[in-house]
Amino acid sequence: MSAAGGAAGVTCREFVELVTEYLEGAMSTGDRTRFEAHLDHCDECREYLAQFRVTIAAVGHLPSESIAPEAEARLLDAFRGWKRDSAPPAG
């Protein structure tokens, strides 16, 4: 992966952070242009995006009943804890 992106470019790290926004169509036109310009020269990020799309396609078709209630409860608890732990300190 390339760390270089230039002053107006997108680095691989930024690419990974922005991929969901890109796939949801939530990027500004300028950001989308920079994001896609990065794809033009970065094989690793093109592969990452392709893998991300495959994952979304696979997971997007799983019925909610496919996860055991105990596993669902553990996951929800983990995410609640993560959100609580990552919240900025009050005051």
C-alpha atoms as a PDB file:
ATOM      1  CA  MET A   1       0.000   0.000   0.000  1.00  0.00           C
ATOM      2  CA  SER A   2       1.120   3.475  -0.729  1.00  0.00           C
ATOM      3  CA  ALA A   3       1.230   6.083   1.984  1.00  0.00           C
ATOM      4  CA  ALA A   4       1.818   8.882  -0.495  1.00  0.00           C
ATOM      5  CA  GLY A   5      -1.174  10.821  -1.619  1.00  0.00           C
ATOM      6  CA  GLY A   6       0.178  14.268  -2.181  1.00  0.00           C
ATOM      7  CA  ALA A   7      -1.412  17.389  -0.760  1.00  0.00           C
ATOM      8  CA  ALA A   8      -4.719  16.750  -2.518  1.00  0.00           C
ATOM      9  CA  GLY A   9      -4.517  12.947  -2.736  1.00  0.00           C
ATOM     10  CA  VAL A  10      -5.931  10.173  -0.590  1.00  0.00           C
ATOM     11  CA  THR A  11      -3.544   7.907   1.319  1.00  0.00           C
ATOM     12  CA  CYS A  12      -4.233   4.192   1.721  1.00  0.00           C
ATOM     13  CA  ARG A  13      -5.072   4.774   5.386  1.00  0.00           C
ATOM     14  CA  GLU A  14      -7.626   7.446   4.436  1.00  0.00           C
ATOM     15  CA  PHE A  15      -8.970   5.165   1.713  1.00  0.00           C
ATOM     16  CA  VAL A  16      -9.731   2.432   4.261  1.00  0.00           C
ATOM     17  CA  GLU A  17     -11.421   4.951   6.557  1.00  0.00           C
ATOM     18  CA  LEU A  18     -13.559   6.339   3.701  1.00  0.00           C
ATOM     19  CA  VAL A  19     -14.581   3.153   1.891  1.00  0.00           C
ATOM     20  CA  THR A  20     -17.992   2.856   3.589  1.00  0.00           C
ATOM     21  CA  GLU A  21     -18.813   6.484   2.852  1.00  0.00           C
ATOM     22  CA  TYR A  22     -17.810   5.880  -0.785  1.00  0.00           C
ATOM     23  CA  LEU A  23     -19.975   2.772  -1.156  1.00  0.00           C
ATOM     24  CA  GLU A  24     -22.953   4.524   0.439  1.00  0.00           C
ATOM     25  CA  GLY A  25     -22.656   7.437  -2.014  1.00  0.00           C
ATOM     26  CA  ALA A  26     -22.217   9.869   0.868  1.00  0.00           C
ATOM     27  CA  MET A  27     -19.051  11.583  -0.392  1.00  0.00           C
ATOM     28  CA  SER A  28     -18.834  15.049  -1.839  1.00  0.00           C
ATOM     29  CA  THR A  29     -17.952  15.191  -5.528  1.00  0.00           C
ATOM     30  CA  GLY A  30     -14.422  16.396  -4.751  1.00  0.00           C
ATOM     31  CA  ASP A  31     -13.753  13.650  -2.202  1.00  0.00           C
ATOM     32  CA  ARG A  32     -15.157  11.032  -4.566  1.00  0.00           C
ATOM     33  CA  THR A  33     -12.847  12.268  -7.345  1.00  0.00           C
ATOM     34  CA  ARG A  34      -9.797  12.067  -5.034  1.00  0.00           C
ATOM     35  CA  PHE A  35     -10.895   8.637  -3.778  1.00  0.00           C
ATOM     36  CA  GLU A  36     -11.312   7.261  -7.301  1.00  0.00           C
ATOM     37  CA  ALA A  37      -7.996   8.813  -8.399  1.00  0.00           C
ATOM     38  CA  HIS A  38      -6.330   6.772  -5.652  1.00  0.00           C
ATOM     39  CA  LEU A  39      -7.972   3.632  -7.058  1.00  0.00           C
ATOM     40  CA  ASP A  40      -6.409   4.375 -10.441  1.00  0.00           C
ATOM     41  CA  HIS A  41      -2.892   3.804  -9.099  1.00  0.00           C
ATOM     42  CA  CYS A  42      -3.237   1.541  -6.047  1.00  0.00           C
ATOM     43  CA  ASP A  43      -3.722  -2.174  -6.696  1.00  0.00           C
ATOM     44  CA  GLU A  44      -3.980  -2.965  -2.979  1.00  0.00           C
ATOM     45  CA  CYS A  45      -6.833  -0.527  -2.407  1.00  0.00           C
ATOM     46  CA  ARG A  46      -8.652  -1.774  -5.518  1.00  0.00           C
ATOM     47  CA  GLU A  47      -8.402  -5.292  -4.071  1.00  0.00           C
ATOM     48  CA  TYR A  48      -9.558  -4.045  -0.646  1.00  0.00           C
ATOM     49  CA  LEU A  49     -12.602  -2.379  -2.235  1.00  0.00           C
ATOM     50  CA  ALA A  50     -13.414  -5.544  -4.194  1.00  0.00           C
ATOM     51  CA  GLN A  51     -13.186  -7.645  -1.014  1.00  0.00           C
ATOM     52  CA  PHE A  52     -15.364  -5.140   0.838  1.00  0.00           C
ATOM     53  CA  ARG A  53     -18.027  -5.411  -1.880  1.00  0.00           C
ATOM     54  CA  VAL A  54     -17.937  -9.229  -1.743  1.00  0.00           C
ATOM     55  CA  THR A  55     -18.345  -9.104   2.037  1.00  0.00           C
ATOM     56  CA  ILE A  56     -21.294  -6.729   1.796  1.00  0.00           C
ATOM     57  CA  ALA A  57     -22.931  -8.932  -0.830  1.00  0.00           C
ATOM     58  CA  ALA A  58     -22.500 -12.044   1.338  1.00  0.00           C
ATOM     59  CA  VAL A  59     -23.507 -10.500   4.659  1.00  0.00           C
ATOM     60  CA  GLY A  60     -26.332  -8.503   3.134  1.00  0.00           C
ATOM     61  CA  HIS A  61     -28.146 -11.735   2.353  1.00  0.00           C
ATOM     62  CA  LEU A  62     -27.989 -13.348   5.781  1.00  0.00           C
ATOM     63  CA  PRO A  63     -31.380 -13.605   7.464  1.00  0.00           C
ATOM     64  CA  SER A  64     -31.505 -12.240  11.006  1.00  0.00           C
ATOM     65  CA  GLU A  65     -32.470 -15.720  12.211  1.00  0.00           C
ATOM     66  CA  SER A  66     -29.066 -17.050  11.110  1.00  0.00           C
ATOM     67  CA  ILE A  67     -27.380 -15.792  14.295  1.00  0.00           C
ATOM     68  CA  ALA A  68     -28.026 -17.560  17.571  1.00  0.00           C
ATOM     69  CA  PRO A  69     -29.730 -15.372  20.194  1.00  0.00           C
ATOM     70  CA  GLU A  70     -26.785 -15.893  22.590  1.00  0.00           C
ATOM     71  CA  ALA A  71     -24.288 -14.736  19.946  1.00  0.00           C
ATOM     72  CA  GLU A  72     -26.453 -11.731  19.107  1.00  0.00           C
ATOM     73  CA  ALA A  73     -26.590 -10.737  22.790  1.00  0.00           C
ATOM     74  CA  ARG A  74     -22.789 -11.045  23.137  1.00  0.00           C
ATOM     75  CA  LEU A  75     -22.215  -8.936  20.035  1.00  0.00           C
ATOM     76  CA  LEU A  76     -24.633  -6.249  21.171  1.00  0.00           C
ATOM     77  CA  ASP A  77     -22.952  -6.134  24.589  1.00  0.00           C
ATOM     78  CA  ALA A  78     -19.532  -5.841  22.947  1.00  0.00           C
ATOM     79  CA  PHE A  79     -20.668  -2.965  20.739  1.00  0.00           C
ATOM     80  CA  ARG A  80     -22.311  -1.186  23.647  1.00  0.00           C
ATOM     81  CA  GLY A  81     -19.071  -1.501  25.615  1.00  0.00           C
ATOM     82  CA  TRP A  82     -17.012  -0.307  22.647  1.00  0.00           C
ATOM     83  CA  LYS A  83     -19.228   2.730  22.167  1.00  0.00           C
ATOM     84  CA  ARG A  84     -19.144   3.537  25.884  1.00  0.00           C
ATOM     85  CA  ASP A  85     -15.336   3.077  26.026  1.00  0.00           C
ATOM     86  CA  SER A  86     -14.731   5.228  22.950  1.00  0.00           C
ATOM     87  CA  ALA A  87     -16.945   8.125  24.032  1.00  0.00           C
ATOM     88  CA  PRO A  88     -15.079  11.336  24.865  1.00  0.00           C
ATOM     89  CA  PRO A  89     -14.864  12.145  28.576  1.00  0.00           C
ATOM     90  CA  ALA A  90     -17.656  14.313  29.920  1.00  0.00           C
ATOM     91  CA  GLY A  91     -17.007  17.923  30.838  1.00  0.00           C
END
